[in-house]
Amino acid sequence: IFSMGIAGTEVAKEASDIILMDDNFASIVKAIMWGRCVNGAVRKFLQFQLSTNVTAVVMAFVSAVASASESSVLSAVQLLWINTIMDIFAALTLATDPASPVLLDR
């Protein structure tokens, strides 16, 4: 919920999530555009993480079942390192995604 910083009432400011410091309509449009950009980045990041983590779990399970010694191909520390490296690159890629006016068409 948006509220205006100059012309907005104190009740509206307390109830809102975002307070715009100027009473400009362009600020509202820009805030909505950046909000949609962040929402899309979070959605892409979660989709990427689910796919990579499901793949790692399936690979560890299948390799443990198929192995004669019933041990996984990757140890827990190796899985943590892979997950950390994948998290860093995915977060950097999605955090640098710029907001564009195309997002306002959704």
N, C-alpha and C. Protein backbone atom coordinates (compact mmCIF):
# COMPACT_ATOMS: atom_id res chain seq x y z
N ILE A 1 0.85 -1.16 0.00
CA ILE A 1 0.00 0.00 0.00
C ILE A 1 0.91 1.23 0.00
N PHE A 2 0.63 2.16 -0.88
CA PHE A 2 1.39 3.40 -1.00
C PHE A 2 0.67 4.52 -0.26
N SER A 3 1.43 5.46 0.25
CA SER A 3 0.86 6.71 0.76
C SER A 3 1.79 7.84 0.36
N MET A 4 1.23 9.03 0.27
CA MET A 4 2.00 10.21 -0.11
C MET A 4 2.65 10.81 1.13
N GLY A 5 3.90 11.24 0.98
CA GLY A 5 4.64 11.77 2.11
C GLY A 5 4.27 13.18 2.47
N ILE A 6 3.91 14.01 1.49
CA ILE A 6 3.61 15.41 1.77
C ILE A 6 2.12 15.61 2.05
N ALA A 7 1.27 15.17 1.15
CA ALA A 7 -0.16 15.41 1.29
C ALA A 7 -0.89 14.30 2.03
N GLY A 8 -0.21 13.21 2.32
CA GLY A 8 -0.87 12.09 2.99
C GLY A 8 -1.10 12.34 4.47
N THR A 9 -2.16 11.77 5.00
CA THR A 9 -2.44 11.92 6.42
C THR A 9 -1.56 10.98 7.24
N GLU A 10 -1.47 11.24 8.52
CA GLU A 10 -0.65 10.40 9.39
C GLU A 10 -1.22 8.99 9.49
N VAL A 11 -2.53 8.85 9.45
CA VAL A 11 -3.17 7.54 9.51
C VAL A 11 -2.80 6.73 8.27
N ALA A 12 -2.82 7.38 7.10
CA ALA A 12 -2.45 6.69 5.85
C ALA A 12 -0.98 6.29 5.88
N LYS A 13 -0.12 7.16 6.41
CA LYS A 13 1.30 6.85 6.48
C LYS A 13 1.57 5.66 7.40
N GLU A 14 0.85 5.59 8.52
CA GLU A 14 1.05 4.48 9.45
C GLU A 14 0.52 3.17 8.90
N ALA A 15 -0.52 3.23 8.09
CA ALA A 15 -1.12 2.01 7.55
C ALA A 15 -0.44 1.52 6.29
N SER A 16 0.37 2.35 5.68
CA SER A 16 0.96 1.98 4.38
C SER A 16 2.27 1.23 4.57
N ASP A 17 2.64 0.50 3.51
CA ASP A 17 3.91 -0.21 3.50
C ASP A 17 5.03 0.67 2.95
N ILE A 18 4.69 1.51 1.98
CA ILE A 18 5.66 2.37 1.32
C ILE A 18 5.14 3.80 1.37
N ILE A 19 6.00 4.71 1.84
CA ILE A 19 5.66 6.13 1.87
C ILE A 19 6.51 6.83 0.82
N LEU A 20 5.85 7.43 -0.16
CA LEU A 20 6.56 8.16 -1.20
C LEU A 20 6.84 9.57 -0.69
N MET A 21 8.08 10.00 -0.78
CA MET A 21 8.48 11.28 -0.20
C MET A 21 7.98 12.47 -1.01
N ASP A 22 7.73 12.28 -2.29
CA ASP A 22 7.17 13.37 -3.08
C ASP A 22 5.79 12.95 -3.58
N ASP A 23 4.96 13.90 -3.88
CA ASP A 23 3.60 13.61 -4.33
C ASP A 23 3.54 13.60 -5.85
N ASN A 24 4.41 12.84 -6.46
CA ASN A 24 4.51 12.80 -7.91
C ASN A 24 3.97 11.46 -8.41
N PHE A 25 3.14 11.50 -9.45
CA PHE A 25 2.59 10.26 -10.00
C PHE A 25 3.68 9.39 -10.61
N ALA A 26 4.73 10.01 -11.14
CA ALA A 26 5.84 9.25 -11.73
C ALA A 26 6.53 8.39 -10.67
N SER A 27 6.55 8.85 -9.43
CA SER A 27 7.15 8.06 -8.35
C SER A 27 6.34 6.80 -8.08
N ILE A 28 5.03 6.91 -8.17
CA ILE A 28 4.17 5.74 -7.98
C ILE A 28 4.44 4.71 -9.07
N VAL A 29 4.52 5.18 -10.31
CA VAL A 29 4.78 4.27 -11.44
C VAL A 29 6.14 3.61 -11.29
N LYS A 30 7.15 4.37 -10.90
CA LYS A 30 8.49 3.81 -10.73
C LYS A 30 8.54 2.81 -9.58
N ALA A 31 7.83 3.11 -8.49
CA ALA A 31 7.80 2.18 -7.35
C ALA A 31 7.11 0.88 -7.73
N ILE A 32 6.03 0.96 -8.49
CA ILE A 32 5.34 -0.26 -8.94
C ILE A 32 6.23 -1.06 -9.88
N MET A 33 6.94 -0.37 -10.77
CA MET A 33 7.82 -1.05 -11.72
C MET A 33 8.94 -1.79 -10.97
N TRP A 34 9.57 -1.13 -9.99
CA TRP A 34 10.63 -1.78 -9.23
C TRP A 34 10.09 -2.90 -8.33
N GLY A 35 8.90 -2.73 -7.82
CA GLY A 35 8.29 -3.80 -7.03
C GLY A 35 8.04 -5.05 -7.85
N ARG A 36 7.56 -4.86 -9.07
CA ARG A 36 7.36 -6.01 -9.96
C ARG A 36 8.67 -6.64 -10.38
N CYS A 37 9.71 -5.81 -10.53
CA CYS A 37 11.03 -6.34 -10.88
C CYS A 37 11.57 -7.22 -9.75
N VAL A 38 11.44 -6.75 -8.52
CA VAL A 38 11.90 -7.53 -7.37
C VAL A 38 11.09 -8.81 -7.22
N ASN A 39 9.78 -8.71 -7.41
CA ASN A 39 8.91 -9.88 -7.32
C ASN A 39 9.29 -10.91 -8.38
N GLY A 40 9.55 -10.47 -9.59
CA GLY A 40 9.96 -11.39 -10.65
C GLY A 40 11.30 -12.03 -10.36
N ALA A 41 12.24 -11.25 -9.80
CA ALA A 41 13.56 -11.80 -9.46
C ALA A 41 13.45 -12.86 -8.37
N VAL A 42 12.62 -12.62 -7.38
CA VAL A 42 12.43 -13.60 -6.32
C VAL A 42 11.79 -14.87 -6.88
N ARG A 43 10.82 -14.71 -7.76
CA ARG A 43 10.16 -15.87 -8.37
C ARG A 43 11.15 -16.70 -9.20
N LYS A 44 11.98 -16.02 -10.00
CA LYS A 44 12.98 -16.72 -10.80
C LYS A 44 14.00 -17.42 -9.91
N PHE A 45 14.44 -16.75 -8.83
CA PHE A 45 15.41 -17.34 -7.93
C PHE A 45 14.87 -18.59 -7.26
N LEU A 46 13.63 -18.53 -6.80
CA LEU A 46 13.03 -19.71 -6.16
C LEU A 46 12.85 -20.86 -7.14
N GLN A 47 12.46 -20.55 -8.36
CA GLN A 47 12.31 -21.60 -9.37
C GLN A 47 13.66 -22.24 -9.67
N PHE A 48 14.70 -21.43 -9.78
CA PHE A 48 16.05 -21.96 -10.02
C PHE A 48 16.51 -22.82 -8.86
N GLN A 49 16.30 -22.34 -7.63
CA GLN A 49 16.74 -23.09 -6.46
C GLN A 49 16.00 -24.42 -6.31
N LEU A 50 14.70 -24.41 -6.57
CA LEU A 50 13.95 -25.67 -6.49
C LEU A 50 14.45 -26.68 -7.51
N SER A 51 14.72 -26.22 -8.71
CA SER A 51 15.17 -27.16 -9.74
C SER A 51 16.56 -27.70 -9.42
N THR A 52 17.48 -26.86 -8.97
CA THR A 52 18.82 -27.35 -8.67
C THR A 52 18.83 -28.24 -7.43
N ASN A 53 18.05 -27.88 -6.41
CA ASN A 53 18.04 -28.70 -5.20
C ASN A 53 17.35 -30.04 -5.41
N VAL A 54 16.29 -30.07 -6.20
CA VAL A 54 15.64 -31.34 -6.50
C VAL A 54 16.59 -32.23 -7.28
N THR A 55 17.32 -31.64 -8.23
CA THR A 55 18.30 -32.42 -8.99
C THR A 55 19.40 -32.98 -8.09
N ALA A 56 19.89 -32.19 -7.15
CA ALA A 56 20.94 -32.67 -6.24
C ALA A 56 20.42 -33.78 -5.34
N VAL A 57 19.20 -33.65 -4.85
CA VAL A 57 18.64 -34.69 -3.98
C VAL A 57 18.42 -35.98 -4.76
N VAL A 58 17.89 -35.87 -5.97
CA VAL A 58 17.67 -37.07 -6.80
C VAL A 58 19.00 -37.74 -7.13
N MET A 59 20.01 -36.93 -7.48
CA MET A 59 21.32 -37.50 -7.80
C MET A 59 21.92 -38.20 -6.59
N ALA A 60 21.83 -37.60 -5.41
CA ALA A 60 22.37 -38.22 -4.20
C ALA A 60 21.62 -39.51 -3.87
N PHE A 61 20.29 -39.49 -4.01
CA PHE A 61 19.49 -40.67 -3.69
C PHE A 61 19.76 -41.81 -4.67
N VAL A 62 19.75 -41.50 -5.96
CA VAL A 62 19.96 -42.54 -6.96
C VAL A 62 21.36 -43.12 -6.86
N SER A 63 22.37 -42.27 -6.62
CA SER A 63 23.73 -42.79 -6.51
C SER A 63 23.91 -43.62 -5.25
N ALA A 64 23.20 -43.27 -4.18
CA ALA A 64 23.30 -44.08 -2.95
C ALA A 64 22.61 -45.42 -3.12
N VAL A 65 21.48 -45.44 -3.83
CA VAL A 65 20.76 -46.70 -4.04
C VAL A 65 21.51 -47.59 -5.01
N ALA A 66 22.09 -47.01 -6.05
CA ALA A 66 22.77 -47.80 -7.07
C ALA A 66 24.17 -48.23 -6.67
N SER A 67 24.74 -47.61 -5.66
CA SER A 67 26.10 -47.92 -5.24
C SER A 67 26.15 -49.23 -4.47
N ALA A 68 27.23 -49.97 -4.64
CA ALA A 68 27.40 -51.22 -3.91
C ALA A 68 27.65 -50.96 -2.43
N SER A 69 28.32 -49.85 -2.12
CA SER A 69 28.61 -49.54 -0.72
C SER A 69 27.53 -48.68 -0.07
N GLU A 70 26.45 -48.43 -0.79
CA GLU A 70 25.32 -47.65 -0.33
C GLU A 70 25.74 -46.27 0.19
N SER A 71 26.65 -45.63 -0.54
CA SER A 71 27.06 -44.27 -0.20
C SER A 71 26.85 -43.37 -1.41
N SER A 72 26.59 -42.12 -1.15
CA SER A 72 26.32 -41.17 -2.21
C SER A 72 27.61 -40.78 -2.92
N VAL A 73 27.46 -40.31 -4.14
CA VAL A 73 28.61 -39.85 -4.91
C VAL A 73 29.19 -38.58 -4.28
N LEU A 74 28.31 -37.72 -3.80
CA LEU A 74 28.74 -36.46 -3.19
C LEU A 74 28.52 -36.52 -1.68
N SER A 75 29.50 -36.00 -0.94
CA SER A 75 29.33 -35.93 0.51
C SER A 75 28.48 -34.71 0.86
N ALA A 76 28.11 -34.60 2.12
CA ALA A 76 27.28 -33.47 2.55
C ALA A 76 28.01 -32.14 2.38
N VAL A 77 29.30 -32.12 2.65
CA VAL A 77 30.08 -30.89 2.49
C VAL A 77 30.15 -30.50 1.02
N GLN A 78 30.32 -31.47 0.13
CA GLN A 78 30.34 -31.16 -1.30
C GLN A 78 29.00 -30.62 -1.78
N LEU A 79 27.91 -31.18 -1.29
CA LEU A 79 26.58 -30.66 -1.65
C LEU A 79 26.38 -29.24 -1.13
N LEU A 80 26.88 -28.94 0.05
CA LEU A 80 26.78 -27.58 0.58
C LEU A 80 27.59 -26.60 -0.25
N TRP A 81 28.79 -27.00 -0.67
CA TRP A 81 29.60 -26.12 -1.52
C TRP A 81 28.92 -25.87 -2.86
N ILE A 82 28.38 -26.90 -3.46
CA ILE A 82 27.67 -26.73 -4.74
C ILE A 82 26.48 -25.79 -4.55
N ASN A 83 25.74 -25.98 -3.49
CA ASN A 83 24.57 -25.14 -3.23
C ASN A 83 24.99 -23.69 -2.99
N THR A 84 26.08 -23.47 -2.25
CA THR A 84 26.56 -22.11 -1.99
C THR A 84 27.00 -21.42 -3.27
N ILE A 85 27.74 -22.12 -4.11
CA ILE A 85 28.21 -21.53 -5.36
C ILE A 85 27.03 -21.22 -6.28
N MET A 86 26.09 -22.13 -6.36
CA MET A 86 24.92 -21.89 -7.20
C MET A 86 24.07 -20.74 -6.66
N ASP A 87 23.96 -20.60 -5.34
CA ASP A 87 23.20 -19.49 -4.75
C ASP A 87 23.83 -18.15 -5.07
N ILE A 88 25.16 -18.08 -4.98
CA ILE A 88 25.84 -16.81 -5.21
C ILE A 88 25.63 -16.34 -6.64
N PHE A 89 25.87 -17.21 -7.61
CA PHE A 89 25.74 -16.79 -9.01
C PHE A 89 24.30 -16.51 -9.40
N ALA A 90 23.37 -17.28 -8.89
CA ALA A 90 21.96 -17.02 -9.19
C ALA A 90 21.51 -15.70 -8.58
N ALA A 91 21.92 -15.43 -7.36
CA ALA A 91 21.53 -14.19 -6.71
C ALA A 91 22.14 -12.98 -7.41
N LEU A 92 23.40 -13.08 -7.80
CA LEU A 92 24.03 -11.97 -8.51
C LEU A 92 23.39 -11.72 -9.86
N THR A 93 23.05 -12.77 -10.55
CA THR A 93 22.43 -12.61 -11.86
C THR A 93 21.06 -11.97 -11.74
N LEU A 94 20.25 -12.44 -10.82
CA LEU A 94 18.89 -11.92 -10.70
C LEU A 94 18.84 -10.57 -9.99
N ALA A 95 19.84 -10.25 -9.17
CA ALA A 95 19.86 -8.95 -8.49
C ALA A 95 20.23 -7.82 -9.44
N THR A 96 20.93 -8.13 -10.50
CA THR A 96 21.35 -7.09 -11.44
C THR A 96 20.39 -6.96 -12.61
N ASP A 97 19.25 -7.61 -12.55
CA ASP A 97 18.25 -7.51 -13.60
C ASP A 97 17.57 -6.14 -13.50
N PRO A 98 17.69 -5.30 -14.52
CA PRO A 98 17.13 -3.95 -14.42
C PRO A 98 15.61 -3.95 -14.60
N ALA A 99 14.98 -2.97 -13.99
CA ALA A 99 13.53 -2.79 -14.17
C ALA A 99 13.29 -2.12 -15.51
N SER A 100 12.26 -2.55 -16.20
CA SER A 100 11.94 -1.96 -17.50
C SER A 100 10.45 -1.65 -17.55
N PRO A 101 10.06 -0.73 -18.42
CA PRO A 101 8.63 -0.39 -18.53
C PRO A 101 7.77 -1.55 -19.04
N VAL A 102 8.38 -2.58 -19.59
CA VAL A 102 7.63 -3.76 -20.04
C VAL A 102 6.93 -4.43 -18.87
N LEU A 103 7.53 -4.31 -17.66
CA LEU A 103 6.93 -4.92 -16.48
C LEU A 103 5.57 -4.33 -16.13
N LEU A 104 5.33 -3.10 -16.55
CA LEU A 104 4.06 -2.45 -16.24
C LEU A 104 2.91 -2.99 -17.10
N ASP A 105 3.22 -3.74 -18.14
CA ASP A 105 2.19 -4.31 -19.01
C ASP A 105 1.61 -5.60 -18.43
N ARG A 106 2.21 -6.15 -17.40
CA ARG A 106 1.69 -7.39 -16.80
C ARG A 106 0.45 -7.12 -16.02
